[in-house]
């Protein structure tokens, strides 16, 4: 995949499982090293989410406890 700051695109190489929130147009944080100033070798990839995100297991626990205040399914 590639990352961009809207001025420049840099290809990223990563061996591993991408986060479930990873998708085109979504913010991402990559840790690793830049090679030859034009290719990034990632050791870790983290997908950013908006402030409304709630992990599914937390939402399930809130629903089971009756404290869920989110949108009905």
PDB file of N, CA and C in Angstrom:
ATOM      1  N   UNK A   1       0.846  -1.183   0.000  1.00  0.00           N
ATOM      2  CA  UNK A   1       0.000   0.000   0.000  1.00  0.00           C
ATOM      3  C   UNK A   1       0.882   1.234   0.000  1.00  0.00           C
ATOM      4  N   UNK A   2       0.271   2.398  -0.168  1.00  0.00           N
ATOM      5  CA  UNK A   2       1.007   3.662  -0.169  1.00  0.00           C
ATOM      6  C   UNK A   2       0.427   4.590   0.881  1.00  0.00           C
ATOM      7  N   UNK A   3       1.284   5.444   1.424  1.00  0.00           N
ATOM      8  CA  UNK A   3       0.821   6.496   2.324  1.00  0.00           C
ATOM      9  C   UNK A   3       1.081   7.828   1.628  1.00  0.00           C
ATOM     10  N   UNK A   4       0.305   8.829   2.023  1.00  0.00           N
ATOM     11  CA  UNK A   4       0.444  10.136   1.386  1.00  0.00           C
ATOM     12  C   UNK A   4       0.216  11.246   2.400  1.00  0.00           C
ATOM     13  N   UNK A   5       0.821  12.387   2.127  1.00  0.00           N
ATOM     14  CA  UNK A   5       0.521  13.611   2.872  1.00  0.00           C
ATOM     15  C   UNK A   5      -0.177  14.602   1.936  1.00  0.00           C
ATOM     16  N   UNK A   6      -0.700  14.078   0.839  1.00  0.00           N
ATOM     17  CA  UNK A   6      -1.391  14.797  -0.231  1.00  0.00           C
ATOM     18  C   UNK A   6      -0.437  15.572  -1.133  1.00  0.00           C
ATOM     19  N   UNK A   7       0.853  15.567  -0.810  1.00  0.00           N
ATOM     20  CA  UNK A   7       1.866  16.156  -1.682  1.00  0.00           C
ATOM     21  C   UNK A   7       2.739  15.079  -2.311  1.00  0.00           C
ATOM     22  N   UNK A   8       2.910  13.990  -1.595  1.00  0.00           N
ATOM     23  CA  UNK A   8       3.809  12.929  -2.039  1.00  0.00           C
ATOM     24  C   UNK A   8       3.269  11.577  -1.582  1.00  0.00           C
ATOM     25  N   UNK A   9       3.368  10.569  -2.438  1.00  0.00           N
ATOM     26  CA  UNK A   9       3.000   9.196  -2.090  1.00  0.00           C
ATOM     27  C   UNK A   9       4.271   8.398  -1.870  1.00  0.00           C
ATOM     28  N   UNK A  10       4.260   7.563  -0.827  1.00  0.00           N
ATOM     29  CA  UNK A  10       5.403   6.692  -0.549  1.00  0.00           C
ATOM     30  C   UNK A  10       4.884   5.268  -0.430  1.00  0.00           C
ATOM     31  N   UNK A  11       5.410   4.342  -1.228  1.00  0.00           N
ATOM     32  CA  UNK A  11       5.011   2.942  -1.100  1.00  0.00           C
ATOM     33  C   UNK A  11       5.498   2.372   0.235  1.00  0.00           C
ATOM     34  N   UNK A  12       4.675   1.501   0.811  1.00  0.00           N
ATOM     35  CA  UNK A  12       4.990   0.870   2.092  1.00  0.00           C
ATOM     36  C   UNK A  12       4.998  -0.638   1.902  1.00  0.00           C
ATOM     37  N   UNK A  13       6.032  -1.283   2.424  1.00  0.00           N
ATOM     38  CA  UNK A  13       6.084  -2.751   2.456  1.00  0.00           C
ATOM     39  C   UNK A  13       5.841  -3.190   3.889  1.00  0.00           C
ATOM     40  N   UNK A  14       4.946  -4.168   4.054  1.00  0.00           N
ATOM     41  CA  UNK A  14       4.619  -4.661   5.394  1.00  0.00           C
ATOM     42  C   UNK A  14       4.288  -6.136   5.302  1.00  0.00           C
ATOM     43  N   UNK A  15       4.893  -6.925   6.168  1.00  0.00           N
ATOM     44  CA  UNK A  15       4.581  -8.350   6.261  1.00  0.00           C
ATOM     45  C   UNK A  15       3.851  -8.571   7.571  1.00  0.00           C
ATOM     46  N   UNK A  16       2.604  -8.882   7.476  1.00  0.00           N
ATOM     47  CA  UNK A  16       1.817  -9.089   8.679  1.00  0.00           C
ATOM     48  C   UNK A  16       0.349  -8.904   8.367  1.00  0.00           C
ATOM     49  N   UNK A  17      -0.440  -9.025   9.396  1.00  0.00           N
ATOM     50  CA  UNK A  17      -1.888  -8.869   9.261  1.00  0.00           C
ATOM     51  C   UNK A  17      -2.231  -7.401   9.482  1.00  0.00           C
ATOM     52  N   UNK A  18      -2.933  -6.828   8.530  1.00  0.00           N
ATOM     53  CA  UNK A  18      -3.340  -5.433   8.662  1.00  0.00           C
ATOM     54  C   UNK A  18      -4.510  -5.319   9.637  1.00  0.00           C
ATOM     55  N   UNK A  19      -4.618  -4.207  10.361  1.00  0.00           N
ATOM     56  CA  UNK A  19      -5.724  -4.020  11.309  1.00  0.00           C
ATOM     57  C   UNK A  19      -7.078  -4.088  10.606  1.00  0.00           C
ATOM     58  N   UNK A  20      -8.093  -4.502  11.339  1.00  0.00           N
ATOM     59  CA  UNK A  20      -9.432  -4.636  10.749  1.00  0.00           C
ATOM     60  C   UNK A  20      -9.987  -3.295  10.266  1.00  0.00           C
ATOM     61  N   UNK A  21      -9.547  -2.190  10.839  1.00  0.00           N
ATOM     62  CA  UNK A  21     -10.016  -0.868  10.411  1.00  0.00           C
ATOM     63  C   UNK A  21      -9.249  -0.327   9.213  1.00  0.00           C
ATOM     64  N   UNK A  22      -8.244  -1.045   8.746  1.00  0.00           N
ATOM     65  CA  UNK A  22      -7.418  -0.584   7.631  1.00  0.00           C
ATOM     66  C   UNK A  22      -8.228  -0.607   6.342  1.00  0.00           C
ATOM     67  N   UNK A  23      -8.286   0.543   5.665  1.00  0.00           N
ATOM     68  CA  UNK A  23      -8.961   0.630   4.367  1.00  0.00           C
ATOM     69  C   UNK A  23      -8.518   1.917   3.671  1.00  0.00           C
ATOM     70  N   UNK A  24      -8.793   1.987   2.395  1.00  0.00           N
ATOM     71  CA  UNK A  24      -8.407   3.151   1.604  1.00  0.00           C
ATOM     72  C   UNK A  24      -9.055   4.415   2.152  1.00  0.00           C
ATOM     73  N   UNK A  25      -8.273   5.470   2.248  1.00  0.00           N
ATOM     74  CA  UNK A  25      -8.783   6.750   2.713  1.00  0.00           C
ATOM     75  C   UNK A  25      -8.794   6.904   4.221  1.00  0.00           C
ATOM     76  N   UNK A  26      -8.483   5.856   4.965  1.00  0.00           N
ATOM     77  CA  UNK A  26      -8.483   5.887   6.425  1.00  0.00           C
ATOM     78  C   UNK A  26      -7.108   6.311   6.918  1.00  0.00           C
ATOM     79  N   UNK A  27      -7.047   7.077   7.992  1.00  0.00           N
ATOM     80  CA  UNK A  27      -5.774   7.456   8.588  1.00  0.00           C
ATOM     81  C   UNK A  27      -5.031   6.225   9.084  1.00  0.00           C
ATOM     82  N   UNK A  28      -3.715   6.281   8.999  1.00  0.00           N
ATOM     83  CA  UNK A  28      -2.902   5.141   9.407  1.00  0.00           C
ATOM     84  C   UNK A  28      -1.611   5.651  10.037  1.00  0.00           C
ATOM     85  N   UNK A  29      -1.089   4.882  10.965  1.00  0.00           N
ATOM     86  CA  UNK A  29       0.213   5.151  11.568  1.00  0.00           C
ATOM     87  C   UNK A  29       1.089   3.957  11.251  1.00  0.00           C
ATOM     88  N   UNK A  30       2.254   4.215  10.679  1.00  0.00           N
ATOM     89  CA  UNK A  30       3.197   3.132  10.392  1.00  0.00           C
ATOM     90  C   UNK A  30       4.498   3.418  11.127  1.00  0.00           C
ATOM     91  N   UNK A  31       5.073   2.373  11.699  1.00  0.00           N
ATOM     92  CA  UNK A  31       6.375   2.481  12.354  1.00  0.00           C
ATOM     93  C   UNK A  31       7.344   1.599  11.605  1.00  0.00           C
ATOM     94  N   UNK A  32       8.532   2.092  11.390  1.00  0.00           N
ATOM     95  CA  UNK A  32       9.533   1.331  10.669  1.00  0.00           C
ATOM     96  C   UNK A  32      10.651   2.237  10.222  1.00  0.00           C
ATOM     97  N   UNK A  33      11.099   2.044   8.984  1.00  0.00           N
ATOM     98  CA  UNK A  33      12.224   2.840   8.494  1.00  0.00           C
ATOM     99  C   UNK A  33      12.016   3.228   7.032  1.00  0.00           C
ATOM    100  N   UNK A  34      12.561   4.360   6.675  1.00  0.00           N
ATOM    101  CA  UNK A  34      12.513   4.858   5.311  1.00  0.00           C
ATOM    102  C   UNK A  34      13.774   4.400   4.592  1.00  0.00           C
ATOM    103  N   UNK A  35      13.597   3.784   3.431  1.00  0.00           N
ATOM    104  CA  UNK A  35      14.724   3.323   2.627  1.00  0.00           C
ATOM    105  C   UNK A  35      14.834   4.169   1.378  1.00  0.00           C
ATOM    106  N   UNK A  36      16.020   4.680   1.111  1.00  0.00           N
ATOM    107  CA  UNK A  36      16.295   5.449  -0.108  1.00  0.00           C
ATOM    108  C   UNK A  36      15.348   6.638  -0.290  1.00  0.00           C
ATOM    109  N   UNK A  37      14.798   7.143   0.753  1.00  0.00           N
ATOM    110  CA  UNK A  37      13.878   8.292   0.767  1.00  0.00           C
ATOM    111  C   UNK A  37      12.652   8.133  -0.134  1.00  0.00           C
ATOM    112  N   UNK A  38      12.408   6.895  -0.617  1.00  0.00           N
ATOM    113  CA  UNK A  38      11.240   6.713  -1.484  1.00  0.00           C
ATOM    114  C   UNK A  38      10.492   5.406  -1.242  1.00  0.00           C
ATOM    115  N   UNK A  39      10.815   4.708  -0.159  1.00  0.00           N
ATOM    116  CA  UNK A  39      10.138   3.446   0.151  1.00  0.00           C
ATOM    117  C   UNK A  39      10.195   3.228   1.654  1.00  0.00           C
ATOM    118  N   UNK A  40       9.034   2.928   2.257  1.00  0.00           N
ATOM    119  CA  UNK A  40       8.963   2.735   3.702  1.00  0.00           C
ATOM    120  C   UNK A  40       8.802   1.257   4.008  1.00  0.00           C
ATOM    121  N   UNK A  41       9.631   0.735   4.902  1.00  0.00           N
ATOM    122  CA  UNK A  41       9.539  -0.642   5.379  1.00  0.00           C
ATOM    123  C   UNK A  41       8.882  -0.580   6.753  1.00  0.00           C
ATOM    124  N   UNK A  42       7.656  -1.057   6.855  1.00  0.00           N
ATOM    125  CA  UNK A  42       6.900  -0.959   8.101  1.00  0.00           C
ATOM    126  C   UNK A  42       7.101  -2.197   8.964  1.00  0.00           C
ATOM    127  N   UNK A  43       7.316  -1.962  10.249  1.00  0.00           N
ATOM    128  CA  UNK A  43       7.358  -3.033  11.240  1.00  0.00           C
ATOM    129  C   UNK A  43       6.005  -3.180  11.923  1.00  0.00           C
ATOM    130  N   UNK A  44       5.247  -2.081  11.941  1.00  0.00           N
ATOM    131  CA  UNK A  44       3.935  -2.076  12.596  1.00  0.00           C
ATOM    132  C   UNK A  44       3.012  -1.130  11.844  1.00  0.00           C
ATOM    133  N   UNK A  45       1.758  -1.524  11.716  1.00  0.00           N
ATOM    134  CA  UNK A  45       0.739  -0.693  11.070  1.00  0.00           C
ATOM    135  C   UNK A  45      -0.445  -0.583  12.019  1.00  0.00           C
ATOM    136  N   UNK A  46      -0.852   0.644  12.291  1.00  0.00           N
ATOM    137  CA  UNK A  46      -2.010   0.887  13.152  1.00  0.00           C
ATOM    138  C   UNK A  46      -2.999   1.757  12.393  1.00  0.00           C
ATOM    139  N   UNK A  47      -4.249   1.357  12.382  1.00  0.00           N
ATOM    140  CA  UNK A  47      -5.293   2.143  11.718  1.00  0.00           C
ATOM    141  C   UNK A  47      -5.875   3.121  12.723  1.00  0.00           C
ATOM    142  N   UNK A  48      -6.073   4.342  12.277  1.00  0.00           N
ATOM    143  CA  UNK A  48      -6.697   5.349  13.132  1.00  0.00           C
ATOM    144  C   UNK A  48      -8.209   5.273  12.943  1.00  0.00           C
ATOM    145  N   UNK A  49      -8.921   5.620  13.984  1.00  0.00           N
ATOM    146  CA  UNK A  49     -10.382   5.631  13.905  1.00  0.00           C
ATOM    147  C   UNK A  49     -10.891   6.961  14.425  1.00  0.00           C
ATOM    148  N   UNK A  50     -12.145   7.255  14.138  1.00  0.00           N
ATOM    149  CA  UNK A  50     -12.695   8.508  14.637  1.00  0.00           C
ATOM    150  C   UNK A  50     -13.086   8.362  16.099  1.00  0.00           C
ATOM    151  N   UNK A  51     -13.494   9.464  16.707  1.00  0.00           N
ATOM    152  CA  UNK A  51     -13.805   9.462  18.139  1.00  0.00           C
ATOM    153  C   UNK A  51     -15.051   8.652  18.477  1.00  0.00           C
ATOM    154  N   UNK A  52     -15.826   8.243  17.484  1.00  0.00           N
ATOM    155  CA  UNK A  52     -17.036   7.460  17.732  1.00  0.00           C
ATOM    156  C   UNK A  52     -16.790   5.960  17.715  1.00  0.00           C
ATOM    157  N   UNK A  53     -15.573   5.538  17.393  1.00  0.00           N
ATOM    158  CA  UNK A  53     -15.286   4.109  17.289  1.00  0.00           C
ATOM    159  C   UNK A  53     -15.363   3.441  18.657  1.00  0.00           C
ATOM    160  N   UNK A  54     -15.947   2.244  18.675  1.00  0.00           N
ATOM    161  CA  UNK A  54     -15.958   1.427  19.873  1.00  0.00           C
ATOM    162  C   UNK A  54     -15.651  -0.002  19.451  1.00  0.00           C
ATOM    163  N   UNK A  55     -14.661  -0.624  20.092  1.00  0.00           N
ATOM    164  CA  UNK A  55     -14.352  -2.007  19.740  1.00  0.00           C
ATOM    165  C   UNK A  55     -15.592  -2.889  19.891  1.00  0.00           C
ATOM    166  N   UNK A  56     -15.789  -3.843  18.986  1.00  0.00           N
ATOM    167  CA  UNK A  56     -16.984  -4.691  19.027  1.00  0.00           C
ATOM    168  C   UNK A  56     -17.177  -5.404  20.362  1.00  0.00           C
ATOM    169  N   UNK A  57     -16.084  -5.847  20.980  1.00  0.00           N
ATOM    170  CA  UNK A  57     -16.228  -6.568  22.249  1.00  0.00           C
ATOM    171  C   UNK A  57     -16.721  -5.651  23.373  1.00  0.00           C
ATOM    172  N   UNK A  58     -16.362  -4.371  23.333  1.00  0.00           N
ATOM    173  CA  UNK A  58     -16.853  -3.417  24.329  1.00  0.00           C
ATOM    174  C   UNK A  58     -18.335  -3.146  24.087  1.00  0.00           C
ATOM    175  N   UNK A  59     -18.727  -2.948  22.844  1.00  0.00           N
ATOM    176  CA  UNK A  59     -20.137  -2.728  22.517  1.00  0.00           C
ATOM    177  C   UNK A  59     -20.981  -3.923  22.945  1.00  0.00           C
ATOM    178  N   UNK A  60     -20.495  -5.141  22.691  1.00  0.00           N
ATOM    179  CA  UNK A  60     -21.230  -6.347  23.095  1.00  0.00           C
ATOM    180  C   UNK A  60     -21.402  -6.415  24.606  1.00  0.00           C
ATOM    181  N   UNK A  61     -20.350  -6.080  25.345  1.00  0.00           N
ATOM    182  CA  UNK A  61     -20.429  -6.112  26.810  1.00  0.00           C
ATOM    183  C   UNK A  61     -21.436  -5.084  27.321  1.00  0.00           C
ATOM    184  N   UNK A  62     -21.454  -3.893  26.723  1.00  0.00           N
ATOM    185  CA  UNK A  62     -22.423  -2.874  27.126  1.00  0.00           C
ATOM    186  C   UNK A  62     -23.847  -3.304  26.807  1.00  0.00           C
ATOM    187  N   UNK A  63     -24.047  -3.938  25.668  1.00  0.00           N
ATOM    188  CA  UNK A  63     -25.379  -4.425  25.297  1.00  0.00           C
ATOM    189  C   UNK A  63     -25.851  -5.490  26.273  1.00  0.00           C
ATOM    190  N   UNK A  64     -24.962  -6.411  26.624  1.00  0.00           N
ATOM    191  CA  UNK A  64     -25.323  -7.481  27.566  1.00  0.00           C
ATOM    192  C   UNK A  64     -25.669  -6.925  28.938  1.00  0.00           C
ATOM    193  N   UNK A  65     -24.983  -5.850  29.347  1.00  0.00           N
ATOM    194  CA  UNK A  65     -25.220  -5.278  30.673  1.00  0.00           C
ATOM    195  C   UNK A  65     -26.428  -4.343  30.701  1.00  0.00           C
ATOM    196  N   UNK A  66     -26.982  -4.031  29.521  1.00  0.00           N
ATOM    197  CA  UNK A  66     -28.122  -3.121  29.451  1.00  0.00           C
ATOM    198  C   UNK A  66     -27.730  -1.652  29.485  1.00  0.00           C
ATOM    199  N   UNK A  67     -26.441  -1.351  29.387  1.00  0.00           N
ATOM    200  CA  UNK A  67     -25.965   0.030  29.454  1.00  0.00           C
ATOM    201  C   UNK A  67     -25.665   0.625  28.086  1.00  0.00           C
ATOM    202  N   UNK A  68     -26.006  -0.070  27.021  1.00  0.00           N
ATOM    203  CA  UNK A  68     -25.726   0.389  25.654  1.00  0.00           C
ATOM    204  C   UNK A  68     -26.533   1.632  25.337  1.00  0.00           C
ATOM    205  N   UNK A  69     -25.880   2.694  24.878  1.00  0.00           N
ATOM    206  CA  UNK A  69     -26.542   3.955  24.517  1.00  0.00           C
ATOM    207  C   UNK A  69     -26.363   4.281  23.037  1.00  0.00           C
ATOM    208  N   UNK A  70     -25.846   3.340  22.268  1.00  0.00           N
ATOM    209  CA  UNK A  70     -25.585   3.567  20.848  1.00  0.00           C
ATOM    210  C   UNK A  70     -26.827   3.393  20.006  1.00  0.00           C
ATOM    211  N   UNK A  71     -26.607   3.406  18.701  1.00  0.00           N
ATOM    212  CA  UNK A  71     -27.702   3.232  17.748  1.00  0.00           C
ATOM    213  C   UNK A  71     -28.252   1.815  17.840  1.00  0.00           C
ATOM    214  N   UNK A  72     -29.562   1.651  17.751  1.00  0.00           N
ATOM    215  CA  UNK A  72     -30.124   0.297  17.740  1.00  0.00           C
ATOM    216  C   UNK A  72     -29.745  -0.425  16.456  1.00  0.00           C
ATOM    217  N   UNK A  73     -29.626  -1.726  16.546  1.00  0.00           N
ATOM    218  CA  UNK A  73     -29.254  -2.522  15.367  1.00  0.00           C
ATOM    219  C   UNK A  73     -30.456  -2.934  14.574  1.00  0.00           C
TER     220      UNK A  73
END
